Amino acid sequence: MFTDQASRRSTLELFAWRGGPPIATTGWKEVLNTPGVQISWRWQDEESEAFWIVRNRSEADATVVLSEHDGERTRHELYSGRDRTRTAILTCDGVCAHEAYHLQQLAADLDGLADGTAPSDEVTVIPQSLPGVPLISITQDGAHGVLHLGRSRDYPASTVHINWEFHDGELTATALVAHVVRLTAV
């Protein structure tokens, strides 16, 4: 975000989570008037103020999340909205540090991975933490991911184990990053 104090305007350059050249340049009005956009807390990067923007998917309402609690952990099965293919299994140790809509959004992000995509052996590097996203660390090992969520004002500390049914390196990594951002978005 770049601010012109004289004109009292801000310019927002939007980048993909991996970086690279800007994918769009816009203003606050456009971002704030875009339905289904969530914005994270801001932080300072090497150039200016920064924040994460993640899009919520309208298809999330059609997904199915089946949850089963056994006393010490909760198992969530995520199913796509189109053909009810299982896309992931999440196991929360202790108390879940998310809401049902977080899981529905993740299921919607994963919808379509099963469309004839062979599991990828490609190694996709995901940072252990995202800039500006406090309290969450990420471990990714192929078709398995682990999120460690530190205690927050709203949730106790939690660990979430994720088993992807279909793993497509970059697409699965992007869905995981979007999930982490949604967990902390305001």
N, C-alpha and C. Protein backbone atom coordinates (compact mmCIF):
# COMPACT_ATOMS: atom_id res chain seq x y z
N MET A 1 0.86 -1.17 0.00
CA MET A 1 0.00 0.00 0.00
C MET A 1 0.90 1.22 0.00
N PHE A 2 0.66 2.12 -0.93
CA PHE A 2 1.42 3.37 -1.02
C PHE A 2 0.44 4.52 -0.79
N THR A 3 0.82 5.45 0.06
CA THR A 3 -0.05 6.57 0.41
C THR A 3 0.54 7.87 -0.10
N ASP A 4 -0.30 8.65 -0.76
CA ASP A 4 0.06 10.00 -1.19
C ASP A 4 -0.61 10.95 -0.21
N GLN A 5 0.16 11.45 0.75
CA GLN A 5 -0.39 12.30 1.80
C GLN A 5 -1.02 13.57 1.24
N ALA A 6 -0.44 14.14 0.18
CA ALA A 6 -0.95 15.39 -0.38
C ALA A 6 -2.36 15.22 -0.95
N SER A 7 -2.60 14.12 -1.63
CA SER A 7 -3.92 13.91 -2.23
C SER A 7 -4.84 13.07 -1.33
N ARG A 8 -4.29 12.59 -0.22
CA ARG A 8 -5.04 11.75 0.71
C ARG A 8 -5.61 10.50 0.03
N ARG A 9 -4.78 9.88 -0.80
CA ARG A 9 -5.18 8.68 -1.51
C ARG A 9 -4.15 7.58 -1.28
N SER A 10 -4.63 6.36 -1.34
CA SER A 10 -3.74 5.20 -1.25
C SER A 10 -3.86 4.39 -2.53
N THR A 11 -2.75 3.86 -2.97
CA THR A 11 -2.73 2.95 -4.10
C THR A 11 -2.36 1.58 -3.56
N LEU A 12 -3.11 0.59 -3.96
CA LEU A 12 -2.85 -0.77 -3.52
C LEU A 12 -2.34 -1.57 -4.70
N GLU A 13 -1.17 -2.16 -4.54
CA GLU A 13 -0.66 -3.09 -5.53
C GLU A 13 -0.89 -4.49 -4.98
N LEU A 14 -1.60 -5.32 -5.72
CA LEU A 14 -1.92 -6.67 -5.27
C LEU A 14 -0.97 -7.66 -5.94
N PHE A 15 -0.37 -8.51 -5.12
CA PHE A 15 0.57 -9.52 -5.58
C PHE A 15 0.04 -10.90 -5.23
N ALA A 16 0.40 -11.91 -6.00
CA ALA A 16 0.12 -13.29 -5.62
C ALA A 16 0.95 -13.61 -4.38
N TRP A 17 0.55 -14.61 -3.63
CA TRP A 17 1.23 -14.89 -2.37
C TRP A 17 2.69 -15.27 -2.55
N ARG A 18 3.06 -15.73 -3.71
CA ARG A 18 4.46 -16.08 -3.98
C ARG A 18 5.30 -14.87 -4.36
N GLY A 19 4.65 -13.72 -4.59
CA GLY A 19 5.38 -12.54 -5.00
C GLY A 19 5.35 -12.38 -6.51
N GLY A 20 6.40 -11.79 -7.05
CA GLY A 20 6.44 -11.51 -8.48
C GLY A 20 5.88 -10.13 -8.77
N PRO A 21 5.61 -9.85 -10.04
CA PRO A 21 5.08 -8.53 -10.38
C PRO A 21 3.65 -8.37 -9.87
N PRO A 22 3.19 -7.14 -9.69
CA PRO A 22 1.81 -6.93 -9.24
C PRO A 22 0.82 -7.54 -10.23
N ILE A 23 -0.24 -8.18 -9.70
CA ILE A 23 -1.27 -8.74 -10.57
C ILE A 23 -2.41 -7.75 -10.77
N ALA A 24 -2.47 -6.70 -9.93
CA ALA A 24 -3.49 -5.66 -10.07
C ALA A 24 -3.07 -4.44 -9.26
N THR A 25 -3.51 -3.29 -9.71
CA THR A 25 -3.36 -2.06 -8.95
C THR A 25 -4.75 -1.49 -8.78
N THR A 26 -5.09 -1.13 -7.56
CA THR A 26 -6.45 -0.69 -7.26
C THR A 26 -6.42 0.30 -6.10
N GLY A 27 -7.58 0.65 -5.61
CA GLY A 27 -7.70 1.54 -4.46
C GLY A 27 -8.56 0.88 -3.38
N TRP A 28 -8.57 1.50 -2.22
CA TRP A 28 -9.33 0.96 -1.09
C TRP A 28 -10.80 0.80 -1.41
N LYS A 29 -11.37 1.78 -2.09
CA LYS A 29 -12.81 1.75 -2.39
C LYS A 29 -13.17 0.48 -3.16
N GLU A 30 -12.38 0.14 -4.15
CA GLU A 30 -12.65 -1.06 -4.94
C GLU A 30 -12.51 -2.32 -4.10
N VAL A 31 -11.47 -2.38 -3.27
CA VAL A 31 -11.26 -3.57 -2.44
C VAL A 31 -12.39 -3.72 -1.43
N LEU A 32 -12.71 -2.64 -0.74
CA LEU A 32 -13.74 -2.71 0.29
C LEU A 32 -15.13 -2.96 -0.26
N ASN A 33 -15.36 -2.63 -1.53
CA ASN A 33 -16.67 -2.86 -2.15
C ASN A 33 -16.74 -4.17 -2.93
N THR A 34 -15.71 -4.98 -2.82
CA THR A 34 -15.71 -6.28 -3.48
C THR A 34 -16.32 -7.31 -2.53
N PRO A 35 -17.44 -7.93 -2.93
CA PRO A 35 -18.08 -8.91 -2.05
C PRO A 35 -17.15 -10.10 -1.77
N GLY A 36 -17.19 -10.58 -0.56
CA GLY A 36 -16.47 -11.79 -0.19
C GLY A 36 -14.98 -11.63 0.01
N VAL A 37 -14.50 -10.42 0.21
CA VAL A 37 -13.07 -10.20 0.43
C VAL A 37 -12.81 -10.07 1.92
N GLN A 38 -11.80 -10.77 2.40
CA GLN A 38 -11.36 -10.63 3.78
C GLN A 38 -9.96 -10.05 3.77
N ILE A 39 -9.69 -9.17 4.74
CA ILE A 39 -8.40 -8.51 4.84
C ILE A 39 -7.78 -8.84 6.18
N SER A 40 -6.50 -9.19 6.15
CA SER A 40 -5.81 -9.53 7.40
C SER A 40 -5.34 -8.26 8.10
N TRP A 41 -4.74 -8.45 9.25
CA TRP A 41 -4.07 -7.36 9.95
C TRP A 41 -2.96 -6.84 9.06
N ARG A 42 -2.62 -5.58 9.19
CA ARG A 42 -1.55 -5.02 8.37
C ARG A 42 -0.22 -5.20 9.08
N TRP A 43 0.83 -5.18 8.29
CA TRP A 43 2.18 -5.22 8.81
C TRP A 43 3.07 -4.41 7.88
N GLN A 44 4.26 -4.17 8.28
CA GLN A 44 5.21 -3.40 7.49
C GLN A 44 6.16 -4.36 6.80
N ASP A 45 6.24 -4.30 5.46
CA ASP A 45 7.25 -5.09 4.78
C ASP A 45 8.40 -4.16 4.38
N GLU A 46 9.31 -4.64 3.54
CA GLU A 46 10.49 -3.84 3.21
C GLU A 46 10.18 -2.59 2.39
N GLU A 47 9.01 -2.53 1.75
CA GLU A 47 8.68 -1.38 0.91
C GLU A 47 7.62 -0.46 1.51
N SER A 48 6.62 -1.03 2.16
CA SER A 48 5.50 -0.21 2.62
C SER A 48 4.63 -1.04 3.56
N GLU A 49 3.45 -0.52 3.87
CA GLU A 49 2.50 -1.30 4.64
C GLU A 49 1.96 -2.41 3.75
N ALA A 50 1.66 -3.54 4.35
CA ALA A 50 1.17 -4.68 3.58
C ALA A 50 0.09 -5.40 4.38
N PHE A 51 -0.68 -6.20 3.70
CA PHE A 51 -1.72 -7.02 4.32
C PHE A 51 -2.10 -8.11 3.34
N TRP A 52 -2.73 -9.13 3.85
CA TRP A 52 -3.21 -10.22 3.01
C TRP A 52 -4.65 -9.94 2.63
N ILE A 53 -5.01 -10.26 1.40
CA ILE A 53 -6.40 -10.22 0.95
C ILE A 53 -6.72 -11.64 0.48
N VAL A 54 -7.83 -12.16 0.93
CA VAL A 54 -8.26 -13.48 0.48
C VAL A 54 -9.72 -13.38 0.05
N ARG A 55 -10.03 -14.10 -0.99
CA ARG A 55 -11.39 -14.08 -1.53
C ARG A 55 -12.17 -15.25 -0.95
N ASN A 56 -13.35 -14.97 -0.45
CA ASN A 56 -14.25 -16.05 -0.03
C ASN A 56 -15.01 -16.53 -1.25
N ARG A 57 -15.25 -17.80 -1.30
CA ARG A 57 -15.90 -18.40 -2.47
C ARG A 57 -17.39 -18.62 -2.18
N SER A 58 -18.22 -18.19 -3.10
CA SER A 58 -19.66 -18.41 -2.95
C SER A 58 -20.00 -19.89 -3.02
N GLU A 59 -19.14 -20.69 -3.68
CA GLU A 59 -19.37 -22.14 -3.79
C GLU A 59 -19.24 -22.85 -2.45
N ALA A 60 -18.72 -22.17 -1.44
CA ALA A 60 -18.50 -22.81 -0.14
C ALA A 60 -19.81 -23.31 0.48
N ASP A 61 -20.91 -22.64 0.19
CA ASP A 61 -22.19 -23.08 0.75
C ASP A 61 -22.60 -24.45 0.25
N ALA A 62 -22.09 -24.87 -0.90
CA ALA A 62 -22.44 -26.18 -1.47
C ALA A 62 -21.53 -27.30 -0.98
N THR A 63 -20.46 -26.96 -0.27
CA THR A 63 -19.54 -28.00 0.22
C THR A 63 -20.13 -28.68 1.44
N VAL A 64 -19.57 -29.82 1.78
CA VAL A 64 -20.03 -30.57 2.94
C VAL A 64 -18.84 -30.81 3.86
N VAL A 65 -19.04 -30.53 5.15
CA VAL A 65 -18.03 -30.80 6.16
C VAL A 65 -18.67 -31.71 7.21
N LEU A 66 -18.14 -32.90 7.36
CA LEU A 66 -18.62 -33.84 8.37
C LEU A 66 -17.62 -33.84 9.51
N SER A 67 -18.10 -33.60 10.71
CA SER A 67 -17.21 -33.51 11.87
C SER A 67 -17.60 -34.54 12.91
N GLU A 68 -16.59 -35.12 13.53
CA GLU A 68 -16.80 -36.12 14.57
C GLU A 68 -15.82 -35.83 15.71
N HIS A 69 -16.35 -35.69 16.92
CA HIS A 69 -15.54 -35.36 18.09
C HIS A 69 -15.44 -36.60 18.97
N ASP A 70 -14.23 -36.97 19.38
CA ASP A 70 -14.06 -38.17 20.21
C ASP A 70 -13.56 -37.86 21.62
N GLY A 71 -13.60 -36.61 22.03
CA GLY A 71 -13.17 -36.24 23.37
C GLY A 71 -11.82 -35.55 23.39
N GLU A 72 -10.84 -36.10 22.68
CA GLU A 72 -9.51 -35.50 22.65
C GLU A 72 -9.21 -34.79 21.35
N ARG A 73 -9.91 -35.16 20.31
CA ARG A 73 -9.67 -34.55 18.99
C ARG A 73 -10.96 -34.53 18.20
N THR A 74 -10.93 -33.71 17.17
CA THR A 74 -12.08 -33.63 16.26
C THR A 74 -11.58 -33.89 14.85
N ARG A 75 -12.29 -34.73 14.16
CA ARG A 75 -11.94 -35.09 12.77
C ARG A 75 -12.97 -34.44 11.85
N HIS A 76 -12.49 -33.72 10.85
CA HIS A 76 -13.34 -33.06 9.87
C HIS A 76 -13.05 -33.64 8.49
N GLU A 77 -14.07 -34.12 7.82
CA GLU A 77 -13.92 -34.56 6.43
C GLU A 77 -14.53 -33.49 5.55
N LEU A 78 -13.75 -33.03 4.56
CA LEU A 78 -14.19 -31.97 3.65
C LEU A 78 -14.55 -32.59 2.31
N TYR A 79 -15.73 -32.23 1.80
CA TYR A 79 -16.21 -32.76 0.53
C TYR A 79 -16.50 -31.61 -0.42
N SER A 80 -16.20 -31.83 -1.70
CA SER A 80 -16.43 -30.79 -2.71
C SER A 80 -17.92 -30.54 -2.87
N GLY A 81 -18.23 -29.42 -3.46
CA GLY A 81 -19.63 -29.04 -3.65
C GLY A 81 -20.26 -29.68 -4.87
N ARG A 82 -19.47 -29.97 -5.90
CA ARG A 82 -20.04 -30.48 -7.14
C ARG A 82 -20.40 -31.95 -7.07
N ASP A 83 -19.45 -32.79 -6.77
CA ASP A 83 -19.70 -34.23 -6.83
C ASP A 83 -19.47 -34.94 -5.50
N ARG A 84 -19.30 -34.17 -4.46
CA ARG A 84 -19.13 -34.70 -3.10
C ARG A 84 -17.91 -35.60 -2.97
N THR A 85 -16.86 -35.29 -3.71
CA THR A 85 -15.60 -36.01 -3.57
C THR A 85 -14.90 -35.50 -2.32
N ARG A 86 -14.39 -36.41 -1.51
CA ARG A 86 -13.65 -35.98 -0.32
C ARG A 86 -12.34 -35.36 -0.78
N THR A 87 -12.05 -34.15 -0.25
CA THR A 87 -10.86 -33.43 -0.66
C THR A 87 -9.78 -33.40 0.41
N ALA A 88 -10.18 -33.50 1.68
CA ALA A 88 -9.18 -33.47 2.76
C ALA A 88 -9.80 -33.98 4.05
N ILE A 89 -8.93 -34.41 4.95
CA ILE A 89 -9.32 -34.76 6.31
C ILE A 89 -8.47 -33.91 7.24
N LEU A 90 -9.12 -33.18 8.12
CA LEU A 90 -8.42 -32.36 9.11
C LEU A 90 -8.69 -32.97 10.48
N THR A 91 -7.65 -33.11 11.27
CA THR A 91 -7.80 -33.60 12.64
C THR A 91 -7.26 -32.54 13.58
N CYS A 92 -8.14 -32.03 14.42
CA CYS A 92 -7.76 -31.00 15.40
C CYS A 92 -7.49 -31.67 16.73
N ASP A 93 -6.27 -31.51 17.24
CA ASP A 93 -5.95 -32.01 18.57
C ASP A 93 -6.43 -30.98 19.58
N GLY A 94 -7.21 -31.42 20.54
CA GLY A 94 -7.76 -30.48 21.52
C GLY A 94 -8.94 -29.74 20.92
N VAL A 95 -9.07 -28.49 21.26
CA VAL A 95 -10.18 -27.67 20.80
C VAL A 95 -9.89 -27.15 19.40
N CYS A 96 -10.91 -27.11 18.53
CA CYS A 96 -10.74 -26.55 17.19
C CYS A 96 -10.58 -25.04 17.29
N ALA A 97 -9.65 -24.50 16.52
CA ALA A 97 -9.41 -23.06 16.51
C ALA A 97 -9.88 -22.47 15.18
N HIS A 98 -11.07 -22.87 14.77
CA HIS A 98 -11.65 -22.38 13.52
C HIS A 98 -13.16 -22.50 13.62
N GLU A 99 -13.83 -21.89 12.68
CA GLU A 99 -15.29 -21.97 12.58
C GLU A 99 -15.63 -22.87 11.39
N ALA A 100 -16.87 -23.31 11.31
CA ALA A 100 -17.30 -24.18 10.22
C ALA A 100 -17.08 -23.52 8.85
N TYR A 101 -17.32 -22.21 8.76
CA TYR A 101 -17.17 -21.55 7.45
C TYR A 101 -15.72 -21.56 6.98
N HIS A 102 -14.75 -21.59 7.90
CA HIS A 102 -13.34 -21.71 7.49
C HIS A 102 -13.13 -23.01 6.73
N LEU A 103 -13.72 -24.09 7.24
CA LEU A 103 -13.56 -25.40 6.60
C LEU A 103 -14.32 -25.45 5.28
N GLN A 104 -15.48 -24.81 5.22
CA GLN A 104 -16.23 -24.77 3.96
C GLN A 104 -15.45 -24.01 2.89
N GLN A 105 -14.80 -22.92 3.27
CA GLN A 105 -14.01 -22.16 2.32
C GLN A 105 -12.81 -22.99 1.83
N LEU A 106 -12.17 -23.72 2.74
CA LEU A 106 -11.06 -24.58 2.35
C LEU A 106 -11.54 -25.66 1.39
N ALA A 107 -12.69 -26.27 1.69
CA ALA A 107 -13.25 -27.28 0.79
C ALA A 107 -13.53 -26.69 -0.59
N ALA A 108 -14.05 -25.46 -0.64
CA ALA A 108 -14.31 -24.81 -1.92
C ALA A 108 -13.01 -24.51 -2.67
N ASP A 109 -11.96 -24.12 -1.94
CA ASP A 109 -10.66 -23.89 -2.57
C ASP A 109 -10.10 -25.18 -3.18
N LEU A 110 -10.38 -26.30 -2.56
CA LEU A 110 -9.86 -27.58 -3.03
C LEU A 110 -10.74 -28.22 -4.09
N ASP A 111 -11.97 -27.72 -4.25
CA ASP A 111 -12.90 -28.27 -5.23
C ASP A 111 -12.28 -28.18 -6.62
N GLY A 112 -12.31 -29.25 -7.32
CA GLY A 112 -11.74 -29.26 -8.67
C GLY A 112 -10.38 -29.93 -8.75
N LEU A 113 -9.71 -30.14 -7.62
CA LEU A 113 -8.41 -30.82 -7.67
C LEU A 113 -8.54 -32.26 -8.14
N ALA A 114 -9.70 -32.87 -7.89
CA ALA A 114 -9.89 -34.27 -8.25
C ALA A 114 -10.24 -34.45 -9.73
N ASP A 115 -10.36 -33.37 -10.48
CA ASP A 115 -10.75 -33.45 -11.88
C ASP A 115 -9.64 -34.02 -12.75
N GLY A 116 -9.38 -35.31 -12.58
CA GLY A 116 -8.40 -35.97 -13.41
C GLY A 116 -6.96 -35.59 -13.12
N THR A 117 -6.72 -34.90 -12.04
CA THR A 117 -5.38 -34.49 -11.69
C THR A 117 -4.68 -35.62 -10.95
N ALA A 118 -3.59 -36.09 -11.49
CA ALA A 118 -2.81 -37.12 -10.80
C ALA A 118 -2.10 -36.46 -9.63
N PRO A 119 -1.99 -37.17 -8.51
CA PRO A 119 -1.26 -36.60 -7.38
C PRO A 119 0.14 -36.18 -7.81
N SER A 120 0.55 -35.05 -7.35
CA SER A 120 1.84 -34.50 -7.74
C SER A 120 2.90 -34.88 -6.71
N ASP A 121 4.07 -35.26 -7.22
CA ASP A 121 5.20 -35.51 -6.33
C ASP A 121 6.03 -34.24 -6.20
N GLU A 122 5.60 -33.19 -6.88
CA GLU A 122 6.31 -31.92 -6.87
C GLU A 122 6.36 -31.37 -5.45
N VAL A 123 7.54 -30.94 -5.06
CA VAL A 123 7.72 -30.36 -3.74
C VAL A 123 7.44 -28.87 -3.84
N THR A 124 6.48 -28.41 -3.09
CA THR A 124 6.15 -26.99 -3.07
C THR A 124 6.52 -26.45 -1.71
N VAL A 125 7.39 -25.48 -1.70
CA VAL A 125 7.87 -24.92 -0.44
C VAL A 125 6.86 -23.90 0.07
N ILE A 126 6.43 -24.11 1.29
CA ILE A 126 5.55 -23.18 1.98
C ILE A 126 6.34 -22.64 3.16
N PRO A 127 6.32 -21.33 3.37
CA PRO A 127 7.06 -20.80 4.51
C PRO A 127 6.49 -21.33 5.82
N GLN A 128 7.34 -21.41 6.84
CA GLN A 128 6.88 -21.90 8.14
C GLN A 128 5.92 -20.93 8.80
N SER A 129 5.96 -19.68 8.39
CA SER A 129 4.98 -18.70 8.86
C SER A 129 4.80 -17.66 7.77
N LEU A 130 3.65 -17.02 7.78
CA LEU A 130 3.36 -15.99 6.79
C LEU A 130 3.59 -14.62 7.42
N PRO A 131 4.21 -13.70 6.70
CA PRO A 131 4.40 -12.36 7.25
C PRO A 131 3.06 -11.74 7.62
N GLY A 132 3.00 -11.13 8.79
CA GLY A 132 1.78 -10.47 9.22
C GLY A 132 0.70 -11.39 9.74
N VAL A 133 0.97 -12.69 9.79
CA VAL A 133 0.00 -13.65 10.32
C VAL A 133 0.59 -14.25 11.59
N PRO A 134 0.23 -13.66 12.73
CA PRO A 134 0.82 -14.12 13.99
C PRO A 134 0.21 -15.44 14.47
N LEU A 135 0.94 -16.12 15.29
CA LEU A 135 0.46 -17.27 16.04
C LEU A 135 0.24 -18.55 15.25
N ILE A 136 0.52 -18.58 13.94
CA ILE A 136 0.31 -19.81 13.18
C ILE A 136 1.60 -20.20 12.49
N SER A 137 2.04 -21.44 12.74
CA SER A 137 3.19 -21.97 12.01
C SER A 137 2.70 -23.13 11.14
N ILE A 138 3.40 -23.34 10.04
CA ILE A 138 2.98 -24.31 9.03
C ILE A 138 4.10 -25.30 8.79
N THR A 139 3.75 -26.56 8.74
CA THR A 139 4.67 -27.61 8.33
C THR A 139 3.97 -28.36 7.21
N GLN A 140 4.64 -28.54 6.09
CA GLN A 140 4.05 -29.22 4.94
C GLN A 140 5.00 -30.33 4.52
N ASP A 141 4.45 -31.54 4.37
CA ASP A 141 5.25 -32.67 3.93
C ASP A 141 4.42 -33.43 2.89
N GLY A 142 4.57 -33.04 1.63
CA GLY A 142 3.81 -33.71 0.57
C GLY A 142 2.32 -33.57 0.78
N ALA A 143 1.64 -34.69 0.91
CA ALA A 143 0.19 -34.70 1.04
C ALA A 143 -0.27 -34.52 2.49
N HIS A 144 0.62 -34.07 3.37
CA HIS A 144 0.28 -33.85 4.77
C HIS A 144 0.74 -32.46 5.18
N GLY A 145 -0.10 -31.80 5.95
CA GLY A 145 0.25 -30.49 6.48
C GLY A 145 -0.09 -30.44 7.95
N VAL A 146 0.60 -29.61 8.68
CA VAL A 146 0.31 -29.41 10.10
C VAL A 146 0.32 -27.91 10.37
N LEU A 147 -0.74 -27.44 11.01
CA LEU A 147 -0.82 -26.06 11.46
C LEU A 147 -0.74 -26.05 12.97
N HIS A 148 0.14 -25.24 13.51
CA HIS A 148 0.22 -25.03 14.95
C HIS A 148 -0.31 -23.63 15.20
N LEU A 149 -1.43 -23.55 15.91
CA LEU A 149 -2.05 -22.27 16.19
C LEU A 149 -1.81 -21.92 17.64
N GLY A 150 -1.18 -20.80 17.87
CA GLY A 150 -0.93 -20.34 19.23
C GLY A 150 -2.21 -19.83 19.87
N ARG A 151 -2.19 -19.74 21.15
CA ARG A 151 -3.36 -19.25 21.89
C ARG A 151 -3.66 -17.82 21.47
N SER A 152 -4.93 -17.53 21.21
CA SER A 152 -5.35 -16.18 20.86
C SER A 152 -6.44 -15.73 21.82
N ARG A 153 -6.93 -14.55 21.58
CA ARG A 153 -8.01 -14.02 22.42
C ARG A 153 -9.27 -14.87 22.30
N ASP A 154 -9.49 -15.47 21.11
CA ASP A 154 -10.72 -16.21 20.86
C ASP A 154 -10.60 -17.73 21.00
N TYR A 155 -9.37 -18.27 20.86
CA TYR A 155 -9.20 -19.72 20.84
C TYR A 155 -7.99 -20.13 21.67
N PRO A 156 -8.05 -21.33 22.25
CA PRO A 156 -6.85 -21.86 22.90
C PRO A 156 -5.88 -22.37 21.83
N ALA A 157 -4.67 -22.70 22.23
CA ALA A 157 -3.69 -23.25 21.29
C ALA A 157 -4.24 -24.55 20.70
N SER A 158 -3.86 -24.82 19.47
CA SER A 158 -4.41 -25.97 18.77
C SER A 158 -3.41 -26.46 17.73
N THR A 159 -3.48 -27.73 17.40
CA THR A 159 -2.70 -28.31 16.32
C THR A 159 -3.67 -28.99 15.37
N VAL A 160 -3.53 -28.70 14.08
CA VAL A 160 -4.41 -29.27 13.06
C VAL A 160 -3.56 -30.06 12.08
N HIS A 161 -3.88 -31.34 11.93
CA HIS A 161 -3.21 -32.21 10.96
C HIS A 161 -4.11 -32.28 9.73
N ILE A 162 -3.52 -32.07 8.56
CA ILE A 162 -4.29 -32.05 7.32
C ILE A 162 -3.74 -33.14 6.40
N ASN A 163 -4.64 -33.99 5.93
CA ASN A 163 -4.30 -34.99 4.93
C ASN A 163 -5.07 -34.65 3.67
N TRP A 164 -4.34 -34.28 2.62
CA TRP A 164 -4.97 -33.91 1.35
C TRP A 164 -5.29 -35.18 0.58
N GLU A 165 -6.50 -35.30 0.06
CA GLU A 165 -6.86 -36.46 -0.76
C GLU A 165 -6.19 -36.37 -2.13
N PHE A 166 -6.12 -35.16 -2.66
CA PHE A 166 -5.49 -34.92 -3.96
C PHE A 166 -4.48 -33.82 -3.74
N HIS A 167 -3.24 -34.09 -4.05
CA HIS A 167 -2.20 -33.10 -3.79
C HIS A 167 -1.65 -32.60 -5.11
N ASP A 168 -1.84 -31.32 -5.35
CA ASP A 168 -1.26 -30.68 -6.52
C ASP A 168 -0.43 -29.54 -6.00
N GLY A 169 0.83 -29.77 -5.79
CA GLY A 169 1.77 -28.84 -5.19
C GLY A 169 1.30 -27.42 -5.00
N GLU A 170 1.29 -26.62 -6.06
CA GLU A 170 1.02 -25.20 -5.95
C GLU A 170 -0.44 -24.92 -5.59
N LEU A 171 -1.38 -25.65 -6.17
CA LEU A 171 -2.80 -25.41 -5.87
C LEU A 171 -3.13 -25.75 -4.42
N THR A 172 -2.60 -26.85 -3.94
CA THR A 172 -2.83 -27.23 -2.55
C THR A 172 -2.16 -26.23 -1.61
N ALA A 173 -0.96 -25.81 -1.95
CA ALA A 173 -0.25 -24.82 -1.13
C ALA A 173 -1.03 -23.51 -1.07
N THR A 174 -1.56 -23.07 -2.19
CA THR A 174 -2.34 -21.84 -2.24
C THR A 174 -3.60 -21.96 -1.38
N ALA A 175 -4.26 -23.11 -1.43
CA ALA A 175 -5.45 -23.33 -0.59
C ALA A 175 -5.07 -23.28 0.89
N LEU A 176 -3.93 -23.86 1.24
CA LEU A 176 -3.48 -23.84 2.63
C LEU A 176 -3.16 -22.42 3.09
N VAL A 177 -2.47 -21.65 2.26
CA VAL A 177 -2.15 -20.27 2.61
C VAL A 177 -3.44 -19.45 2.78
N ALA A 178 -4.38 -19.63 1.88
CA ALA A 178 -5.67 -18.90 1.98
C ALA A 178 -6.38 -19.29 3.27
N HIS A 179 -6.33 -20.56 3.65
CA HIS A 179 -6.96 -21.02 4.89
C HIS A 179 -6.32 -20.34 6.10
N VAL A 180 -5.00 -20.29 6.12
CA VAL A 180 -4.29 -19.65 7.24
C VAL A 180 -4.66 -18.16 7.33
N VAL A 181 -4.71 -17.50 6.19
CA VAL A 181 -5.07 -16.07 6.20
C VAL A 181 -6.50 -15.89 6.69
N ARG A 182 -7.43 -16.74 6.24
CA ARG A 182 -8.82 -16.63 6.71
C ARG A 182 -8.93 -16.81 8.22
N LEU A 183 -8.10 -17.67 8.78
CA LEU A 183 -8.15 -17.91 10.23
C LEU A 183 -7.82 -16.66 11.03
N THR A 184 -7.08 -15.75 10.44
CA THR A 184 -6.66 -14.55 11.18
C THR A 184 -7.20 -13.26 10.60
N ALA A 185 -7.98 -13.33 9.51
CA ALA A 185 -8.50 -12.12 8.87
C ALA A 185 -9.50 -11.43 9.80
N VAL A 186 -9.59 -10.11 9.65
CA VAL A 186 -10.50 -9.32 10.48
C VAL A 186 -11.85 -9.18 9.81
